[in-house]
C-alpha atoms as a PDB file:
ATOM      1  CA  MET A   1     -15.953 -14.955  -0.835  1.00  0.00           C
ATOM      2  CA  GLU A   2     -16.460 -11.616  -0.974  1.00  0.00           C
ATOM      3  CA  LYS A   3     -13.853  -9.565  -2.128  1.00  0.00           C
ATOM      4  CA  ILE A   4     -13.673  -5.895  -0.707  1.00  0.00           C
ATOM      5  CA  LEU A   5     -10.254  -5.239  -2.385  1.00  0.00           C
ATOM      6  CA  GLU A   6      -9.039  -5.943  -5.607  1.00  0.00           C
ATOM      7  CA  LEU A   7      -6.124  -4.770  -7.049  1.00  0.00           C
ATOM      8  CA  LYS A   8      -5.436  -5.425 -11.215  1.00  0.00           C
ATOM      9  CA  ASN A   9      -2.166  -5.041 -12.770  1.00  0.00           C
ATOM     10  CA  LEU A  10      -0.813  -1.916 -10.793  1.00  0.00           C
ATOM     11  CA  LYS A  11       2.116   0.009 -11.979  1.00  0.00           C
ATOM     12  CA  THR A  12       3.031   2.859  -9.473  1.00  0.00           C
ATOM     13  CA  TYR A  13       6.281   4.449 -11.142  1.00  0.00           C
ATOM     14  CA  PHE A  14       8.481   7.349 -10.093  1.00  0.00           C
ATOM     15  CA  ALA A  15       9.704  10.293 -11.757  1.00  0.00           C
ATOM     16  CA  THR A  16      13.846  10.622 -10.995  1.00  0.00           C
ATOM     17  CA  ASP A  17      16.865  11.916 -12.204  1.00  0.00           C
ATOM     18  CA  GLY A  18      18.197   8.950 -13.032  1.00  0.00           C
ATOM     19  CA  GLY A  19      14.872   7.759 -14.812  1.00  0.00           C
ATOM     20  CA  VAL A  20      11.750   5.765 -14.410  1.00  0.00           C
ATOM     21  CA  ALA A  21      12.322   3.775 -11.097  1.00  0.00           C
ATOM     22  CA  ARG A  22       9.152   0.698 -11.312  1.00  0.00           C
ATOM     23  CA  ALA A  23       8.413   0.377  -7.681  1.00  0.00           C
ATOM     24  CA  VAL A  24       5.311  -1.575  -8.360  1.00  0.00           C
ATOM     25  CA  ASP A  25       5.111  -2.986 -11.452  1.00  0.00           C
ATOM     26  CA  GLY A  26       1.967  -5.014 -12.369  1.00  0.00           C
ATOM     27  CA  VAL A  27       0.355  -6.315  -9.221  1.00  0.00           C
ATOM     28  CA  SER A  28      -2.824  -8.609  -9.010  1.00  0.00           C
ATOM     29  CA  PHE A  29      -4.294  -9.486  -5.805  1.00  0.00           C
ATOM     30  CA  SER A  30      -7.358  -9.596  -4.180  1.00  0.00           C
ATOM     31  CA  LEU A  31      -8.483  -9.492  -0.300  1.00  0.00           C
ATOM     32  CA  GLY A  32     -11.800 -11.304   0.774  1.00  0.00           C
ATOM     33  CA  ARG A  33     -13.968  -9.780   3.501  1.00  0.00           C
ATOM     34  CA  ASN A  34     -12.560 -11.115   7.424  1.00  0.00           C
ATOM     35  CA  ARG A  35      -9.552 -12.787   5.484  1.00  0.00           C
ATOM     36  CA  THR A  36      -5.714 -11.290   6.703  1.00  0.00           C
ATOM     37  CA  VAL A  37      -3.493 -11.680   3.393  1.00  0.00           C
ATOM     38  CA  GLY A  38       0.403 -11.536   4.345  1.00  0.00           C
ATOM     39  CA  VAL A  39       2.828  -9.577   2.185  1.00  0.00           C
ATOM     40  CA  VAL A  40       6.357 -10.557   1.699  1.00  0.00           C
ATOM     41  CA  GLY A  41       9.628  -9.738   0.445  1.00  0.00           C
ATOM     42  CA  GLU A  42      12.828  -8.204   0.984  1.00  0.00           C
ATOM     43  CA  SER A  43      12.968  -4.608   1.537  1.00  0.00           C
ATOM     44  CA  GLY A  44      13.118  -2.744  -1.879  1.00  0.00           C
ATOM     45  CA  SER A  45      10.221  -5.127  -2.916  1.00  0.00           C
ATOM     46  CA  GLY A  46       7.603  -3.069  -3.714  1.00  0.00           C
ATOM     47  CA  LYS A  47       5.753  -3.857  -0.741  1.00  0.00           C
ATOM     48  CA  SER A  48       5.159  -0.508   1.333  1.00  0.00           C
ATOM     49  CA  VAL A  49       4.800   1.329  -1.882  1.00  0.00           C
ATOM     50  CA  THR A  50       1.472  -1.214  -2.887  1.00  0.00           C
ATOM     51  CA  ALA A  51       0.260  -0.304   0.590  1.00  0.00           C
ATOM     52  CA  LEU A  52       0.648   3.512   0.146  1.00  0.00           C
ATOM     53  CA  SER A  53      -0.856   3.378  -3.377  1.00  0.00           C
ATOM     54  CA  ILE A  54      -4.157   1.568  -1.379  1.00  0.00           C
ATOM     55  CA  MET A  55      -4.346   4.621   0.719  1.00  0.00           C
ATOM     56  CA  ARG A  56      -3.342   7.217  -1.777  1.00  0.00           C
ATOM     57  CA  LEU A  57      -0.324   8.455   0.240  1.00  0.00           C
ATOM     58  CA  LEU A  58       2.144   8.750  -2.141  1.00  0.00           C
ATOM     59  CA  PRO A  59       3.864  12.063  -3.064  1.00  0.00           C
ATOM     60  CA  MET A  60       2.338  12.963  -6.430  1.00  0.00           C
ATOM     61  CA  PRO A  61       5.004  14.055  -8.072  1.00  0.00           C
ATOM     62  CA  PRO A  62       7.507  12.341  -7.993  1.00  0.00           C
ATOM     63  CA  GLY A  63       5.290   9.140  -7.694  1.00  0.00           C
ATOM     64  CA  TYR A  64       2.365   8.517 -10.410  1.00  0.00           C
ATOM     65  CA  PHE A  65      -0.071   5.767 -11.400  1.00  0.00           C
ATOM     66  CA  ALA A  66       1.001   4.265 -14.624  1.00  0.00           C
ATOM     67  CA  GLY A  67      -1.600   1.867 -15.062  1.00  0.00           C
ATOM     68  CA  GLY A  68      -3.652  -0.551 -13.479  1.00  0.00           C
ATOM     69  CA  GLU A  69      -6.630  -0.380 -10.665  1.00  0.00           C
ATOM     70  CA  ILE A  70      -7.535  -0.601  -7.765  1.00  0.00           C
ATOM     71  CA  PHE A  71     -11.111  -1.650  -6.373  1.00  0.00           C
ATOM     72  CA  TRP A  72     -12.508  -0.893  -2.738  1.00  0.00           C
ATOM     73  CA  LYS A  73     -15.650  -2.502  -2.541  1.00  0.00           C
ATOM     74  CA  GLY A  74     -16.603  -2.397  -6.232  1.00  0.00           C
ATOM     75  CA  ARG A  75     -15.192   1.321  -6.656  1.00  0.00           C
ATOM     76  CA  ASN A  76     -11.483   2.462  -8.504  1.00  0.00           C
ATOM     77  CA  LEU A  77      -9.918   4.301  -5.865  1.00  0.00           C
ATOM     78  CA  LEU A  78      -8.423   5.825  -8.376  1.00  0.00           C
ATOM     79  CA  SER A  79     -10.592   7.692  -9.945  1.00  0.00           C
ATOM     80  CA  LEU A  80     -12.097   9.353  -6.527  1.00  0.00           C
ATOM     81  CA  GLN A  81     -11.026  13.007  -5.866  1.00  0.00           C
ATOM     82  CA  ASP A  82      -9.436  13.470  -3.406  1.00  0.00           C
ATOM     83  CA  ASP A  83     -12.122  14.728  -1.099  1.00  0.00           C
ATOM     84  CA  GLU A  84     -13.558  10.947  -1.157  1.00  0.00           C
ATOM     85  CA  MET A  85     -10.363   9.269  -0.406  1.00  0.00           C
ATOM     86  CA  ARG A  86      -9.868  11.120   2.503  1.00  0.00           C
ATOM     87  CA  ARG A  87     -13.630  10.510   3.713  1.00  0.00           C
ATOM     88  CA  LEU A  88     -12.899   6.559   2.880  1.00  0.00           C
ATOM     89  CA  ARG A  89      -9.014   7.020   4.184  1.00  0.00           C
ATOM     90  CA  GLY A  90      -9.072   6.384   8.195  1.00  0.00           C
ATOM     91  CA  ASN A  91     -12.743   5.231   7.891  1.00  0.00           C
ATOM     92  CA  ASP A  92     -13.054   2.791   5.826  1.00  0.00           C
ATOM     93  CA  ILE A  93      -9.491   1.931   4.717  1.00  0.00           C
ATOM     94  CA  ALA A  94      -6.869   2.258   8.055  1.00  0.00           C
ATOM     95  CA  MET A  95      -3.162   1.862   8.247  1.00  0.00           C
ATOM     96  CA  ILE A  96      -0.649   1.536  10.682  1.00  0.00           C
ATOM     97  CA  PHE A  97       2.609   2.557   9.821  1.00  0.00           C
ATOM     98  CA  GLN A  98       6.323   1.064  10.724  1.00  0.00           C
ATOM     99  CA  GLU A  99       7.888   3.821  12.627  1.00  0.00           C
ATOM    100  CA  PRO A 100       4.889   5.005  15.480  1.00  0.00           C
ATOM    101  CA  MET A 101       7.458   8.107  16.601  1.00  0.00           C
ATOM    102  CA  SER A 102       7.550   9.600  13.760  1.00  0.00           C
ATOM    103  CA  SER A 103       3.848   8.361  12.639  1.00  0.00           C
ATOM    104  CA  LEU A 104       2.665  10.471  15.824  1.00  0.00           C
ATOM    105  CA  ASN A 105       2.905  14.274  16.102  1.00  0.00           C
ATOM    106  CA  PRO A 106       5.416  14.932  19.419  1.00  0.00           C
ATOM    107  CA  VAL A 107       3.690  18.100  19.560  1.00  0.00           C
ATOM    108  CA  PHE A 108      -0.183  16.574  20.979  1.00  0.00           C
ATOM    109  CA  THR A 109      -1.142  14.202  23.429  1.00  0.00           C
ATOM    110  CA  CYS A 110      -2.082  10.687  22.401  1.00  0.00           C
ATOM    111  CA  GLY A 111      -5.445  11.075  22.995  1.00  0.00           C
ATOM    112  CA  SER A 112      -5.729  13.815  21.348  1.00  0.00           C
ATOM    113  CA  GLN A 113      -4.853  12.837  18.499  1.00  0.00           C
ATOM    114  CA  ILE A 114      -7.474   9.726  18.783  1.00  0.00           C
ATOM    115  CA  MET A 115      -9.818  12.318  19.537  1.00  0.00           C
ATOM    116  CA  GLU A 116      -9.342  14.353  16.380  1.00  0.00           C
ATOM    117  CA  GLN A 117      -9.361  10.755  13.789  1.00  0.00           C
ATOM    118  CA  ILE A 118     -12.652  10.628  15.388  1.00  0.00           C
ATOM    119  CA  ARG A 119     -14.197  13.634  15.145  1.00  0.00           C
ATOM    120  CA  VAL A 120     -12.912  14.036  11.383  1.00  0.00           C
ATOM    121  CA  HIS A 121     -14.730  11.075  10.211  1.00  0.00           C
ATOM    122  CA  HIS A 122     -17.936  11.760  12.587  1.00  0.00           C
ATOM    123  CA  PRO A 123     -18.053  15.620  13.032  1.00  0.00           C
ATOM    124  CA  GLU A 124     -21.695  15.062  14.866  1.00  0.00           C
ATOM    125  CA  MET A 125     -19.728  13.594  17.719  1.00  0.00           C
ATOM    126  CA  ALA A 126     -19.859  15.862  20.777  1.00  0.00           C
ATOM    127  CA  ALA A 127     -15.605  16.310  22.167  1.00  0.00           C
ATOM    128  CA  VAL A 128     -16.984  14.128  26.075  1.00  0.00           C
ATOM    129  CA  GLU A 129     -18.235  11.180  24.045  1.00  0.00           C
ATOM    130  CA  ALA A 130     -15.404  11.417  21.434  1.00  0.00           C
ATOM    131  CA  ARG A 131     -12.814  11.774  24.620  1.00  0.00           C
ATOM    132  CA  GLU A 132     -14.311   8.268  26.108  1.00  0.00           C
ATOM    133  CA  ARG A 133     -14.307   6.376  22.482  1.00  0.00           C
ATOM    134  CA  SER A 134     -10.551   7.082  22.663  1.00  0.00           C
ATOM    135  CA  VAL A 135     -10.588   6.527  26.611  1.00  0.00           C
ATOM    136  CA  GLU A 136     -12.145   3.191  25.775  1.00  0.00           C
ATOM    137  CA  LEU A 137      -9.882   1.964  22.722  1.00  0.00           C
ATOM    138  CA  LEU A 138      -7.125   2.829  25.022  1.00  0.00           C
ATOM    139  CA  HIS A 139      -8.012   0.323  26.922  1.00  0.00           C
ATOM    140  CA  LEU A 140      -9.015  -2.093  24.256  1.00  0.00           C
ATOM    141  CA  VAL A 141      -5.513  -1.867  23.056  1.00  0.00           C
ATOM    142  CA  GLY A 142      -3.863  -3.590  26.401  1.00  0.00           C
ATOM    143  CA  ILE A 143      -2.565  -0.040  27.779  1.00  0.00           C
ATOM    144  CA  ALA A 144      -3.079   0.170  31.619  1.00  0.00           C
ATOM    145  CA  ASN A 145      -4.508   3.551  32.880  1.00  0.00           C
ATOM    146  CA  PRO A 146      -6.226   4.306  29.988  1.00  0.00           C
ATOM    147  CA  SER A 147      -7.608   7.573  31.328  1.00  0.00           C
ATOM    148  CA  GLU A 148      -4.272   8.843  32.410  1.00  0.00           C
ATOM    149  CA  ARG A 149      -2.221   7.544  29.329  1.00  0.00           C
ATOM    150  CA  PHE A 150      -4.919   9.780  26.820  1.00  0.00           C
ATOM    151  CA  SER A 151      -3.219  13.225  28.437  1.00  0.00           C
ATOM    152  CA  ALA A 152       0.670  11.490  27.976  1.00  0.00           C
ATOM    153  CA  TRP A 153       2.898  13.226  24.772  1.00  0.00           C
ATOM    154  CA  PRO A 154       4.557  10.538  22.353  1.00  0.00           C
ATOM    155  CA  HIS A 155       7.754  10.523  23.585  1.00  0.00           C
ATOM    156  CA  GLU A 156       6.718   9.550  27.110  1.00  0.00           C
ATOM    157  CA  LEU A 157       5.765   6.108  26.055  1.00  0.00           C
ATOM    158  CA  SER A 158       7.580   3.464  24.805  1.00  0.00           C
ATOM    159  CA  GLY A 159       7.850   2.205  21.301  1.00  0.00           C
ATOM    160  CA  GLY A 160       5.533  -0.427  22.205  1.00  0.00           C
ATOM    161  CA  MET A 161       2.630   1.711  23.890  1.00  0.00           C
ATOM    162  CA  ARG A 162       3.261   4.375  20.783  1.00  0.00           C
ATOM    163  CA  GLN A 163       2.511   1.355  18.438  1.00  0.00           C
ATOM    164  CA  ARG A 164      -0.514   0.686  20.745  1.00  0.00           C
ATOM    165  CA  VAL A 165      -1.547   4.113  20.136  1.00  0.00           C
ATOM    166  CA  MET A 166      -1.154   4.163  16.068  1.00  0.00           C
ATOM    167  CA  ILE A 167      -3.132   0.739  16.413  1.00  0.00           C
ATOM    168  CA  ALA A 168      -6.338   2.484  18.898  1.00  0.00           C
ATOM    169  CA  MET A 169      -6.259   5.271  16.099  1.00  0.00           C
ATOM    170  CA  ALA A 170      -6.390   2.887  12.852  1.00  0.00           C
ATOM    171  CA  LEU A 171      -9.255   1.561  14.737  1.00  0.00           C
ATOM    172  CA  SER A 172     -11.404   4.365  15.942  1.00  0.00           C
ATOM    173  CA  CYS A 173     -13.959   4.219  13.053  1.00  0.00           C
ATOM    174  CA  ASN A 174     -14.047   0.456  12.956  1.00  0.00           C
ATOM    175  CA  PRO A 175     -12.768   0.215   9.330  1.00  0.00           C
ATOM    176  CA  ALA A 176     -13.025  -2.759   6.872  1.00  0.00           C
ATOM    177  CA  LEU A 177      -9.428  -3.243   6.033  1.00  0.00           C
ATOM    178  CA  LEU A 178      -6.699  -2.484   8.529  1.00  0.00           C
ATOM    179  CA  ILE A 179      -3.087  -2.498   6.284  1.00  0.00           C
ATOM    180  CA  ALA A 180      -0.405  -2.755   9.008  1.00  0.00           C
ATOM    181  CA  ASP A 181       3.172  -1.869   7.469  1.00  0.00           C
ATOM    182  CA  GLU A 182       5.930  -3.644   9.564  1.00  0.00           C
ATOM    183  CA  PRO A 183       4.046  -3.404  13.126  1.00  0.00           C
ATOM    184  CA  THR A 184       6.755  -4.700  15.026  1.00  0.00           C
ATOM    185  CA  THR A 185       9.866  -3.032  12.956  1.00  0.00           C
ATOM    186  CA  ALA A 186      12.180  -1.566  15.721  1.00  0.00           C
ATOM    187  CA  LEU A 187      10.533  -3.442  18.732  1.00  0.00           C
ATOM    188  CA  ASP A 188      12.250  -6.044  21.385  1.00  0.00           C
ATOM    189  CA  VAL A 189      11.002  -9.811  20.462  1.00  0.00           C
ATOM    190  CA  THR A 190       8.618  -9.692  23.954  1.00  0.00           C
ATOM    191  CA  VAL A 191       6.531  -6.613  22.662  1.00  0.00           C
ATOM    192  CA  GLN A 192       6.511  -8.022  19.011  1.00  0.00           C
ATOM    193  CA  ALA A 193       4.623 -11.138  20.012  1.00  0.00           C
ATOM    194  CA  GLN A 194       1.878  -9.143  21.933  1.00  0.00           C
ATOM    195  CA  ILE A 195       1.567  -6.426  19.103  1.00  0.00           C
ATOM    196  CA  LEU A 196       0.842  -9.401  16.781  1.00  0.00           C
ATOM    197  CA  ASP A 197      -1.530 -11.153  19.227  1.00  0.00           C
ATOM    198  CA  LEU A 198      -3.595  -7.966  19.826  1.00  0.00           C
ATOM    199  CA  ILE A 199      -3.736  -7.579  15.621  1.00  0.00           C
ATOM    200  CA  GLY A 200      -5.020 -11.117  15.459  1.00  0.00           C
ATOM    201  CA  THR A 201      -6.948 -10.862  18.173  1.00  0.00           C
ATOM    202  CA  LEU A 202      -8.946  -7.520  17.090  1.00  0.00           C
ATOM    203  CA  GLN A 203      -8.787  -9.149  13.910  1.00  0.00           C
ATOM    204  CA  ALA A 204     -10.813 -11.950  15.422  1.00  0.00           C
ATOM    205  CA  ASP A 205     -12.664  -9.937  17.525  1.00  0.00           C
ATOM    206  CA  THR A 206     -14.180  -7.293  15.006  1.00  0.00           C
ATOM    207  CA  GLY A 207     -14.258  -9.043  11.944  1.00  0.00           C
ATOM    208  CA  MET A 208     -12.039  -6.691   9.505  1.00  0.00           C
ATOM    209  CA  SER A 209      -9.615  -7.656   6.630  1.00  0.00           C
ATOM    210  CA  VAL A 210      -5.622  -7.233   7.312  1.00  0.00           C
ATOM    211  CA  LEU A 211      -3.375  -7.173   4.879  1.00  0.00           C
ATOM    212  CA  LEU A 212       0.282  -7.561   6.705  1.00  0.00           C
ATOM    213  CA  ILE A 213       3.362  -6.065   4.863  1.00  0.00           C
ATOM    214  CA  THR A 214       6.247  -7.570   6.934  1.00  0.00           C
ATOM    215  CA  HIS A 215       9.776  -9.503   5.555  1.00  0.00           C
ATOM    216  CA  ASP A 216       9.245 -12.024   8.398  1.00  0.00           C
ATOM    217  CA  PHE A 217       7.578 -15.694   7.312  1.00  0.00           C
ATOM    218  CA  GLY A 218       7.389 -16.179  10.918  1.00  0.00           C
ATOM    219  CA  VAL A 219       4.892 -13.715  11.506  1.00  0.00           C
ATOM    220  CA  VAL A 220       2.868 -14.411   8.627  1.00  0.00           C
ATOM    221  CA  ALA A 221       2.317 -17.946  10.059  1.00  0.00           C
ATOM    222  CA  GLU A 222       1.450 -17.184  13.107  1.00  0.00           C
ATOM    223  CA  LEU A 223      -1.399 -14.191  11.435  1.00  0.00           C
ATOM    224  CA  CYS A 224      -2.024 -14.860   8.206  1.00  0.00           C
ATOM    225  CA  GLU A 225      -4.462 -16.965   6.130  1.00  0.00           C
ATOM    226  CA  GLU A 226      -3.071 -16.264   2.621  1.00  0.00           C
ATOM    227  CA  VAL A 227       0.700 -14.680   1.713  1.00  0.00           C
ATOM    228  CA  LEU A 228       1.751 -12.962  -1.001  1.00  0.00           C
ATOM    229  CA  VAL A 229       5.668 -13.163  -2.250  1.00  0.00           C
ATOM    230  CA  MET A 230       6.612  -9.925  -3.512  1.00  0.00           C
ATOM    231  CA  TYR A 231       9.879  -9.906  -5.599  1.00  0.00           C
ATOM    232  CA  ALA A 232      11.127  -6.826  -7.609  1.00  0.00           C
ATOM    233  CA  SER A 233       7.941  -4.847  -7.881  1.00  0.00           C
ATOM    234  CA  ARG A 234       6.304  -7.622  -8.637  1.00  0.00           C
ATOM    235  CA  VAL A 235       4.094 -10.846  -6.454  1.00  0.00           C
ATOM    236  CA  VAL A 236       5.798 -13.889  -7.833  1.00  0.00           C
ATOM    237  CA  GLU A 237       4.119 -16.281  -5.856  1.00  0.00           C
ATOM    238  CA  LYS A 238       0.904 -15.863  -4.520  1.00  0.00           C
ATOM    239  CA  GLY A 239      -1.262 -18.733  -2.379  1.00  0.00           C
ATOM    240  CA  GLU A 240      -2.228 -20.108   0.842  1.00  0.00           C
ATOM    241  CA  VAL A 241       0.065 -20.016   3.826  1.00  0.00           C
ATOM    242  CA  ARG A 242      -0.392 -23.727   4.214  1.00  0.00           C
ATOM    243  CA  GLN A 243       0.585 -24.032   0.396  1.00  0.00           C
ATOM    244  CA  ILE A 244       3.343 -21.681   0.560  1.00  0.00           C
ATOM    245  CA  PHE A 245       4.949 -23.304   3.573  1.00  0.00           C
ATOM    246  CA  SER A 246       4.817 -27.027   2.345  1.00  0.00           C
ATOM    247  CA  ASN A 247       5.318 -26.707  -0.927  1.00  0.00           C
ATOM    248  CA  PRO A 248       6.877 -23.697  -2.103  1.00  0.00           C
ATOM    249  CA  LEU A 249       6.554 -23.263  -6.076  1.00  0.00           C
ATOM    250  CA  HIS A 250       9.503 -20.541  -6.693  1.00  0.00           C
ATOM    251  CA  PRO A 251      13.466 -20.653  -6.067  1.00  0.00           C
ATOM    252  CA  TYR A 252      12.794 -17.323  -4.251  1.00  0.00           C
ATOM    253  CA  THR A 253       9.860 -18.416  -1.677  1.00  0.00           C
ATOM    254  CA  ARG A 254      12.159 -21.548  -1.342  1.00  0.00           C
ATOM    255  CA  GLY A 255      14.846 -19.517  -0.489  1.00  0.00           C
ATOM    256  CA  LEU A 256      13.153 -16.960   2.079  1.00  0.00           C
ATOM    257  CA  LEU A 257      11.967 -20.005   4.149  1.00  0.00           C
ATOM    258  CA  GLU A 258      15.245 -21.326   4.321  1.00  0.00           C
ATOM    259  CA  SER A 259      17.135 -18.935   5.818  1.00  0.00           C
ATOM    260  CA  ILE A 260      14.288 -19.078   9.126  1.00  0.00           C
ATOM    261  CA  PRO A 261      16.365 -20.522  11.983  1.00  0.00           C
ATOM    262  CA  ARG A 262      14.599 -23.595  12.849  1.00  0.00           C
ATOM    263  CA  MET A 263      14.548 -24.613  16.632  1.00  0.00           C
ATOM    264  CA  GLY A 264      15.645 -28.458  17.524  1.00  0.00           C
ATOM    265  CA  VAL A 265      18.234 -28.123  14.256  1.00  0.00           C
ATOM    266  CA  PRO A 266      22.176 -28.290  14.165  1.00  0.00           C
ATOM    267  CA  LYS A 267      23.571 -25.481  14.445  1.00  0.00           C
ATOM    268  CA  GLU A 268      24.669 -24.401  11.130  1.00  0.00           C
ATOM    269  CA  ARG A 269      24.926 -21.834   8.800  1.00  0.00           C
ATOM    270  CA  LEU A 270      21.633 -20.068   7.781  1.00  0.00           C
ATOM    271  CA  HIS A 271      20.946 -20.199   3.807  1.00  0.00           C
ATOM    272  CA  VAL A 272      21.680 -17.258   1.994  1.00  0.00           C
ATOM    273  CA  ILE A 273      19.994 -15.724  -0.874  1.00  0.00           C
ATOM    274  CA  GLU A 274      23.768 -14.496  -3.013  1.00  0.00           C
ATOM    275  CA  GLY A 275      23.119 -10.977  -4.516  1.00  0.00           C
ATOM    276  CA  SER A 276      20.291  -8.063  -3.964  1.00  0.00           C
ATOM    277  CA  VAL A 277      17.090  -6.850  -5.320  1.00  0.00           C
ATOM    278  CA  PRO A 278      17.849  -5.288  -8.588  1.00  0.00           C
ATOM    279  CA  SER A 279      17.081  -1.871  -9.003  1.00  0.00           C
ATOM    280  CA  ALA A 280      13.906  -0.417  -9.904  1.00  0.00           C
ATOM    281  CA  LEU A 281      15.469   1.835 -12.377  1.00  0.00           C
ATOM    282  CA  ARG A 282      16.493  -1.148 -14.084  1.00  0.00           C
ATOM    283  CA  GLU A 283      14.358  -2.320 -17.826  1.00  0.00           C
ATOM    284  CA  PRO A 284      14.032  -5.729 -16.506  1.00  0.00           C
ATOM    285  CA  VAL A 285      14.728  -8.811 -19.166  1.00  0.00           C
ATOM    286  CA  GLY A 286      13.094 -12.116 -18.596  1.00  0.00           C
ATOM    287  CA  CYS A 287      12.998 -13.620 -15.282  1.00  0.00           C
ATOM    288  CA  ARG A 288      13.206 -10.663 -12.497  1.00  0.00           C
ATOM    289  CA  PHE A 289      14.977 -13.228 -10.142  1.00  0.00           C
ATOM    290  CA  SER A 290      17.410 -14.880 -12.663  1.00  0.00           C
ATOM    291  CA  ASP A 291      20.412 -13.299 -12.198  1.00  0.00           C
ATOM    292  CA  ARG A 292      19.837 -15.100  -8.310  1.00  0.00           C
ATOM    293  CA  CYS A 293      18.457 -18.435  -9.245  1.00  0.00           C
ATOM    294  CA  PRO A 294      20.771 -21.316  -9.137  1.00  0.00           C
ATOM    295  CA  LEU A 295      17.819 -22.717 -11.757  1.00  0.00           C
ATOM    296  CA  ALA A 296      18.033 -20.048 -14.300  1.00  0.00           C
ATOM    297  CA  ASP A 297      18.267 -21.156 -17.831  1.00  0.00           C
ATOM    298  CA  SER A 298      18.437 -19.094 -21.011  1.00  0.00           C
ATOM    299  CA  ARG A 299      14.755 -19.180 -21.071  1.00  0.00           C
ATOM    300  CA  CYS A 300      14.485 -17.603 -17.262  1.00  0.00           C
ATOM    301  CA  ARG A 301      16.925 -14.743 -19.219  1.00  0.00           C
ATOM    302  CA  SER A 302      15.117 -13.726 -21.732  1.00  0.00           C
ATOM    303  CA  ILE A 303      11.159 -14.080 -20.981  1.00  0.00           C
ATOM    304  CA  GLU A 304      10.066 -12.898 -18.018  1.00  0.00           C
ATOM    305  CA  PRO A 305       6.778 -15.682 -16.738  1.00  0.00           C
ATOM    306  CA  GLU A 306       3.313 -14.655 -15.716  1.00  0.00           C
ATOM    307  CA  LEU A 307       1.463 -16.074 -12.420  1.00  0.00           C
ATOM    308  CA  VAL A 308       0.094 -19.886 -13.485  1.00  0.00           C
ATOM    309  CA  ALA A 309      -1.708 -21.711 -11.337  1.00  0.00           C
ATOM    310  CA  TYR A 310      -0.484 -24.998 -10.099  1.00  0.00           C
ATOM    311  CA  GLU A 311      -3.216 -26.056  -8.002  1.00  0.00           C
ATOM    312  CA  ALA A 312      -6.085 -24.233  -6.782  1.00  0.00           C
ATOM    313  CA  GLY A 313      -5.246 -21.223  -5.340  1.00  0.00           C
ATOM    314  CA  HIS A 314      -1.811 -21.377  -5.595  1.00  0.00           C
ATOM    315  CA  GLU A 315       0.072 -19.478  -8.278  1.00  0.00           C
ATOM    316  CA  ALA A 316       3.634 -18.822  -9.010  1.00  0.00           C
ATOM    317  CA  ALA A 317       5.476 -16.750 -11.541  1.00  0.00           C
ATOM    318  CA  CYS A 318       8.598 -19.171 -12.805  1.00  0.00           C
ATOM    319  CA  TRP A 319       9.493 -21.651 -15.425  1.00  0.00           C
ATOM    320  CA  LYS A 320      10.996 -23.896 -12.994  1.00  0.00           C
ATOM    321  CA  ALA A 321       7.919 -24.352 -11.251  1.00  0.00           C
ATOM    322  CA  GLY A 322       5.926 -27.530 -10.407  1.00  0.00           C
END
């Protein structure tokens, strides 16, 4: 499998008044061409910071890269100059953000924002051609009457429609990688399903790779081929989706899967993982999940486990795995 994206021991920290926050603390994974990888975990686990680190969109300062590398088709993104990164961002790697209302500029029409994205990366394209391409993209993402919607303001569209505009903008330059950060946040269930179906269809049609950030294992099961489970700034388990669902190795992964409602099962209280994700400001000792893990012993509380392969393509960072 050809790797187009590879993170090696990435560490993204933030300098705060309370100390150094280790938002991403030694994350490693790779993404192949035409593959969909899901990143799952609770709020505060480091999923979005990982995505923003790849895009190099974090405010610096207070953020900074404390170590590691991000390779895009063999080039280390952390070594690129700002203008080189701007040419790559949006053209080769595009991103859909969580909240489309705050991502779209309220004082420009939706169509003009798509046009701007196209002409920034393709300045040789005439305005008429860029407009035609924008209307074509609005049609591609399932917006009715795209020629009319081209002139619509963001506030005139529903949340689902705005998210479709964001997807159209992300696809405008035919990226090789689409990063979708909680793309269905704040949307109702029906619209969520439509957006996820759209991303899946576009991925199959265009052959792009997708990195999907989510807290929902149901979304992972529907769209992804591989999954990374993040907890407290680190990857604690990774593997093929079928491996994770059929044989979860880490207690945290098992807890997340047990908390999913199931049809056809008698009504009962959902499983709850007691406690909360530890602060990124806290210096970790031992396994980061040990305070919440029912299986933890003295070794878990004193020595942090590393990712270990238990079968081909299936790794976990847990002393009790296997």
